[in-house]
Protein backbone atom coordinates (compact mmCIF):
# COMPACT_ATOMS: atom_id res chain seq x y z
CA MET A 1 0.00 0.00 0.00
CA ASP A 2 1.36 3.42 -1.00
CA ILE A 3 1.39 6.09 1.70
CA ASP A 4 0.58 9.62 0.53
CA LEU A 5 2.95 11.44 2.88
CA PRO A 6 2.29 14.98 1.52
CA TYR A 7 -1.44 14.44 2.12
CA ILE A 8 -0.80 13.18 5.67
CA LEU A 9 1.55 16.10 6.42
CA PHE A 10 -0.99 18.59 5.07
CA TRP A 11 -3.73 17.35 7.38
CA ALA A 12 -1.35 17.00 10.33
CA VAL A 13 -0.35 20.67 9.96
CA LEU A 14 -3.96 21.75 9.48
CA VAL A 15 -5.33 19.80 12.47
CA SER A 16 -2.51 20.73 14.86
CA GLY A 17 -2.78 24.38 13.86
CA ALA A 18 -6.55 24.31 14.34
CA ILE A 19 -6.14 22.81 17.83
CA ILE A 20 -3.72 25.59 18.83
CA VAL A 21 -5.98 28.34 17.45
CA CYS A 22 -9.10 26.90 19.12
CA HIS A 23 -7.29 26.61 22.45
CA LYS A 24 -6.11 30.25 22.23
CA LEU A 25 -9.65 31.44 21.43
CA TRP A 26 -11.13 29.37 24.25
CA ALA A 27 -8.56 30.76 26.70
CA LEU A 28 -9.31 34.34 25.64
CA LEU A 29 -13.06 33.80 25.99
CA GLY A 30 -12.52 32.22 29.40
CA SER A 31 -10.38 35.09 30.59
CA GLY A 32 -13.00 37.57 29.42
CA ARG A 33 -15.74 35.82 31.37
CA ALA A 34 -13.60 35.70 34.49
CA GLY A 35 -12.62 39.36 34.07
CA SER A 36 -8.97 38.48 34.41
CA GLU A 37 -6.30 37.28 32.01
CA GLN A 38 -4.53 35.57 34.90
CA SER A 39 -7.17 32.88 35.03
CA ALA A 40 -6.32 31.85 31.44
CA GLU A 41 -2.62 31.69 32.28
CA ASP A 42 -3.23 29.50 35.30
CA ALA A 43 -5.56 27.11 33.48
CA SER A 44 -4.09 23.69 32.80
CA VAL A 45 -3.27 22.92 29.16
CA PRO A 46 -4.81 19.67 27.83
CA ALA A 47 -2.38 17.01 26.61
CA VAL A 48 -3.67 17.17 23.04
CA VAL A 49 -2.90 20.92 22.96
CA GLU A 50 0.60 20.33 24.34
CA PHE A 51 1.24 17.75 21.61
CA ALA A 52 -0.09 20.14 18.95
CA GLN A 53 2.11 22.99 20.22
CA SER A 54 5.17 20.74 20.26
CA PHE A 55 4.74 19.17 16.83
CA PHE A 56 3.20 22.00 14.80
CA PRO A 57 6.50 23.87 14.09
CA VAL A 58 8.26 20.65 13.04
CA LEU A 59 5.36 19.47 10.88
CA LEU A 60 5.08 22.87 9.24
CA LEU A 61 8.81 23.00 8.49
CA VAL A 62 8.81 19.50 6.97
CA PHE A 63 5.68 20.30 4.95
CA VAL A 64 7.18 23.50 3.54
CA LEU A 65 10.57 21.94 2.72
CA ARG A 66 9.06 18.82 1.17
CA GLY A 67 6.31 20.67 -0.64
CA PHE A 68 8.20 23.66 -2.03
CA VAL A 69 11.94 22.94 -1.95
CA ALA A 70 13.01 19.28 -2.25
CA GLU A 71 11.63 15.80 -1.78
CA PRO A 72 13.27 12.37 -1.52
CA TYR A 73 12.01 9.58 -3.79
CA GLN A 74 13.06 5.94 -4.12
CA ILE A 75 13.27 4.23 -7.51
CA PRO A 76 10.83 1.27 -7.53
CA SER A 77 11.44 -0.25 -10.99
CA GLU A 78 14.01 -0.86 -13.73
CA SER A 79 12.50 1.61 -16.20
CA MET A 80 15.38 4.11 -15.86
CA VAL A 81 18.26 1.59 -15.78
CA PRO A 82 21.19 2.14 -16.29
CA THR A 83 20.88 5.79 -15.21
CA LEU A 84 18.92 4.89 -12.08
CA GLN A 85 18.96 1.52 -10.36
CA VAL A 86 16.18 -0.08 -8.31
CA GLY A 87 16.56 1.17 -4.74
CA ASP A 88 18.25 4.46 -5.60
CA PHE A 89 17.15 7.34 -3.40
CA ILE A 90 17.02 10.50 -5.46
CA LEU A 91 16.57 14.14 -4.57
CA VAL A 92 13.78 15.93 -6.42
CA ASN A 93 14.05 19.69 -6.84
CA LYS A 94 10.47 20.94 -6.38
CA TYR A 95 11.45 24.51 -7.27
CA ALA A 96 13.03 23.82 -10.68
CA TYR A 97 9.81 23.96 -12.70
CA GLY A 98 7.92 26.48 -10.60
CA LEU A 99 6.32 26.48 -7.17
CA ARG A 100 3.18 24.37 -6.86
CA PHE A 101 0.96 24.16 -3.81
CA PRO A 102 1.29 20.69 -2.24
CA VAL A 103 -1.76 18.40 -2.19
CA LEU A 104 -4.17 21.00 -3.57
CA GLY A 105 -2.16 21.57 -6.75
CA GLY A 106 -1.92 24.69 -8.86
CA LYS A 107 1.20 26.67 -9.79
CA ILE A 108 2.04 29.59 -7.54
CA LEU A 109 5.17 30.88 -9.28
CA ASP A 110 6.74 30.24 -12.70
CA VAL A 111 10.47 29.46 -12.58
CA ASP A 112 11.45 27.37 -15.62
CA ASP A 113 10.07 24.74 -17.98
CA PRO A 114 11.23 21.13 -18.44
CA GLU A 115 13.86 20.68 -21.14
CA ARG A 116 14.53 17.71 -23.39
CA GLY A 117 16.79 15.26 -21.60
CA ASP A 118 15.71 16.22 -18.07
CA VAL A 119 14.87 13.43 -15.64
CA MET A 120 11.48 14.41 -14.28
CA VAL A 121 9.15 13.14 -11.56
CA PHE A 122 5.46 13.50 -12.34
CA VAL A 123 2.05 11.90 -11.95
CA PRO A 124 0.95 10.13 -15.17
CA PRO A 125 -2.59 10.32 -16.53
CA HIS A 126 -3.48 6.74 -15.55
CA ASP A 127 -2.00 6.34 -12.05
CA PRO A 128 -1.98 8.54 -8.91
CA ARG A 129 1.56 7.47 -7.96
CA TYR A 130 4.80 9.28 -8.80
CA PHE A 131 6.61 8.17 -11.97
CA ILE A 132 10.11 9.09 -13.12
CA LYS A 133 11.15 9.20 -16.78
CA ARG A 134 13.21 11.30 -19.15
CA VAL A 135 11.68 14.24 -21.03
CA MET A 136 11.95 13.41 -24.74
CA GLY A 137 9.43 15.87 -26.17
CA ILE A 138 8.28 19.34 -25.10
CA PRO A 139 5.38 21.53 -26.29
CA GLY A 140 5.62 22.22 -30.02
CA ASP A 141 7.77 19.16 -30.81
CA ARG A 142 6.95 16.48 -33.32
CA VAL A 143 8.55 13.20 -32.23
CA ARG A 144 8.78 9.91 -34.13
CA TYR A 145 9.85 6.58 -32.65
CA VAL A 146 10.87 4.17 -35.39
CA ASN A 147 12.98 1.03 -35.08
CA LYS A 148 13.74 1.96 -31.45
CA THR A 149 15.24 5.24 -32.66
CA LEU A 150 13.92 8.70 -31.80
CA PHE A 151 13.52 11.58 -34.25
CA VAL A 152 12.74 15.02 -32.80
CA ASN A 153 11.43 17.63 -35.25
CA GLY A 154 12.72 15.55 -38.15
CA LYS A 155 16.24 15.16 -36.72
CA ARG A 156 17.54 11.76 -35.62
CA LEU A 157 19.08 11.72 -32.16
CA GLN A 158 22.75 10.78 -31.95
CA TYR A 159 23.54 7.24 -30.80
CA GLU A 160 26.87 5.68 -29.93
CA PHE A 161 27.17 1.93 -29.35
CA VAL A 162 28.85 1.06 -26.03
CA ARG A 163 28.54 -2.70 -25.47
CA GLU A 164 26.36 -5.78 -25.70
CA PHE A 165 25.67 -8.14 -22.81
CA THR A 166 23.23 -10.81 -21.61
CA ASP A 167 20.60 -9.82 -19.08
CA PRO A 168 20.94 -12.49 -16.36
CA GLY A 169 17.29 -12.28 -15.33
CA LEU A 170 15.67 -12.37 -18.77
CA ARG A 171 18.49 -14.15 -20.61
CA LEU A 172 18.18 -11.64 -23.44
CA GLN A 173 20.87 -9.82 -25.36
CA VAL A 174 20.90 -6.15 -24.43
CA GLN A 175 22.72 -3.36 -26.22
CA GLU A 176 23.88 -0.27 -24.36
CA TYR A 177 24.04 3.00 -26.27
CA THR A 178 24.83 6.58 -25.41
CA GLU A 179 21.98 8.80 -26.57
CA GLU A 180 22.33 12.56 -26.98
CA ILE A 181 19.59 15.19 -26.99
CA ASN A 182 20.07 18.95 -26.56
CA GLY A 183 23.74 18.38 -25.72
CA LYS A 184 22.86 15.97 -22.88
CA ARG A 185 24.43 12.50 -23.09
CA TYR A 186 23.17 9.53 -21.07
CA PRO A 187 23.14 5.72 -21.39
CA ILE A 188 20.14 3.73 -22.59
CA TYR A 189 19.40 0.02 -22.99
CA LYS A 190 17.81 -1.60 -26.04
CA SER A 191 17.06 -5.23 -26.79
CA ALA A 192 16.15 -7.13 -29.94
CA GLY A 193 12.53 -7.42 -30.98
CA TYR A 194 9.85 -5.63 -32.96
CA GLU A 195 8.20 -2.49 -31.65
CA ARG A 196 5.58 -0.56 -33.59
CA ALA A 197 6.40 2.88 -34.92
CA GLN A 198 4.76 5.81 -33.13
CA GLU A 199 4.49 9.54 -33.67
CA TRP A 200 3.41 12.38 -31.39
CA THR A 201 2.70 16.06 -31.84
CA ILE A 202 3.25 17.61 -28.42
CA GLY A 203 0.62 20.19 -27.52
CA PRO A 204 0.74 23.02 -24.96
CA GLY A 205 1.27 21.78 -21.42
CA GLN A 206 2.23 18.27 -22.58
CA TYR A 207 5.44 16.26 -22.33
CA LEU A 208 6.63 13.02 -23.91
CA MET A 209 8.17 10.87 -21.16
CA ILE A 210 10.25 7.77 -21.97
CA GLY A 211 12.40 5.53 -19.75
CA ASP A 212 16.10 4.92 -20.44
CA ASN A 213 15.53 1.15 -20.26
CA ARG A 214 13.61 1.34 -23.51
CA ASP A 215 12.20 -2.20 -23.63
CA ARG A 216 11.32 -2.43 -19.94
CA SER A 217 9.56 0.87 -19.36
CA ALA A 218 5.84 1.66 -19.29
CA ASP A 219 5.79 5.29 -20.41
CA SER A 220 4.23 7.71 -22.89
CA ARG A 221 4.44 5.02 -25.56
CA THR A 222 1.83 3.12 -23.54
CA TRP A 223 -0.31 5.60 -21.61
CA GLY A 224 0.14 8.87 -23.50
CA LEU A 225 1.58 12.30 -22.78
CA ALA A 226 2.19 13.73 -19.32
CA SER A 227 0.51 16.95 -18.23
CA ALA A 228 2.30 20.06 -16.96
CA ASP A 229 -0.32 20.25 -14.21
CA ASN A 230 1.00 16.99 -12.74
CA ILE A 231 4.72 17.77 -12.62
CA VAL A 232 6.35 17.05 -9.25
CA GLY A 233 9.89 18.24 -9.91
CA LYS A 234 13.30 17.64 -11.47
CA ALA A 235 15.46 14.73 -10.29
CA VAL A 236 18.89 16.20 -9.56
CA ALA A 237 20.93 13.71 -7.53
CA ILE A 238 21.29 10.19 -6.16
CA TRP A 239 22.01 10.39 -2.44
CA ALA A 240 21.74 6.73 -1.34
CA ASN A 241 20.89 3.26 -2.57
CA LYS A 242 19.12 0.42 -0.79
CA PRO A 243 18.42 -2.70 -2.88
CA PRO A 244 15.18 -4.60 -2.14
CA GLY A 245 15.33 -7.00 0.80
CA TRP A 246 17.46 -7.03 3.93
CA HIS A 247 20.30 -4.78 2.83
CA TRP A 248 21.95 -1.79 4.45
CA PRO A 249 21.83 1.47 2.52
CA SER A 250 25.03 2.37 0.69
CA PHE A 251 26.36 5.66 -0.62
CA GLN A 252 28.65 4.40 -3.40
CA ARG A 253 26.30 5.54 -6.16
CA ASN A 254 25.96 9.10 -4.84
CA ARG A 255 26.28 11.64 -7.65
CA TRP A 256 24.56 14.50 -9.42
CA LEU A 257 22.41 13.30 -12.30
CA SER A 258 24.18 15.78 -14.58
CA GLU A 259 27.26 13.55 -14.20
CA ALA A 260 27.76 10.38 -16.23
CA PRO A 261 27.03 7.15 -14.28
CA ASP A 262 29.91 4.83 -13.39
């Protein structure tokens, strides 16, 4: 079961703040009836109010930092291999593409727009969970995907063969390439097999999102274009890795995503 932490934090801040405000109002009304402010000072504070007063500043700080500045996110699948491995903890810059109000949605402040080649976290049109893919098409682009090769506005992306190896889990031959778009170079995986040709014309507020592990990624080729209204932020760094199962976290993969992976 997925836990919607921003939603929980939002309500925790709201409820604890409401408790504090109600207690203050009650105390002021009580002091007015008694004709003395001293009576409000001497009144005992209920435990629930003490808890609210203690946790409200912390909850508010976490909510603001996580909602407006940065958010951690763990990679759940192989769709972005080899750039991102299962278990990688990444840092998502919530400010990069403009300030959005947490939970309720809606952009508060424009900062910048996603660029081709960015690794972006967003909510897809078919699923309420966070997804992470690479931006391969921005508003105004015409993108074709033919023979596992991308063409953006009629220009074929640059590919450089790196190596071929056997995937131990699937026992399939996989080819690693370096793909380049807008001066950004990153590794991708392809495997043999037929895949139908597709073409998209990217409209306003839409983005074409594709995983680096091209044959093991459910992305815009399956469920369509992502909406600008559902952008979460830009993935900027790997800060830890914890593989599934009983493993300790490690920090050997720590790096900025602008750097080439080892």
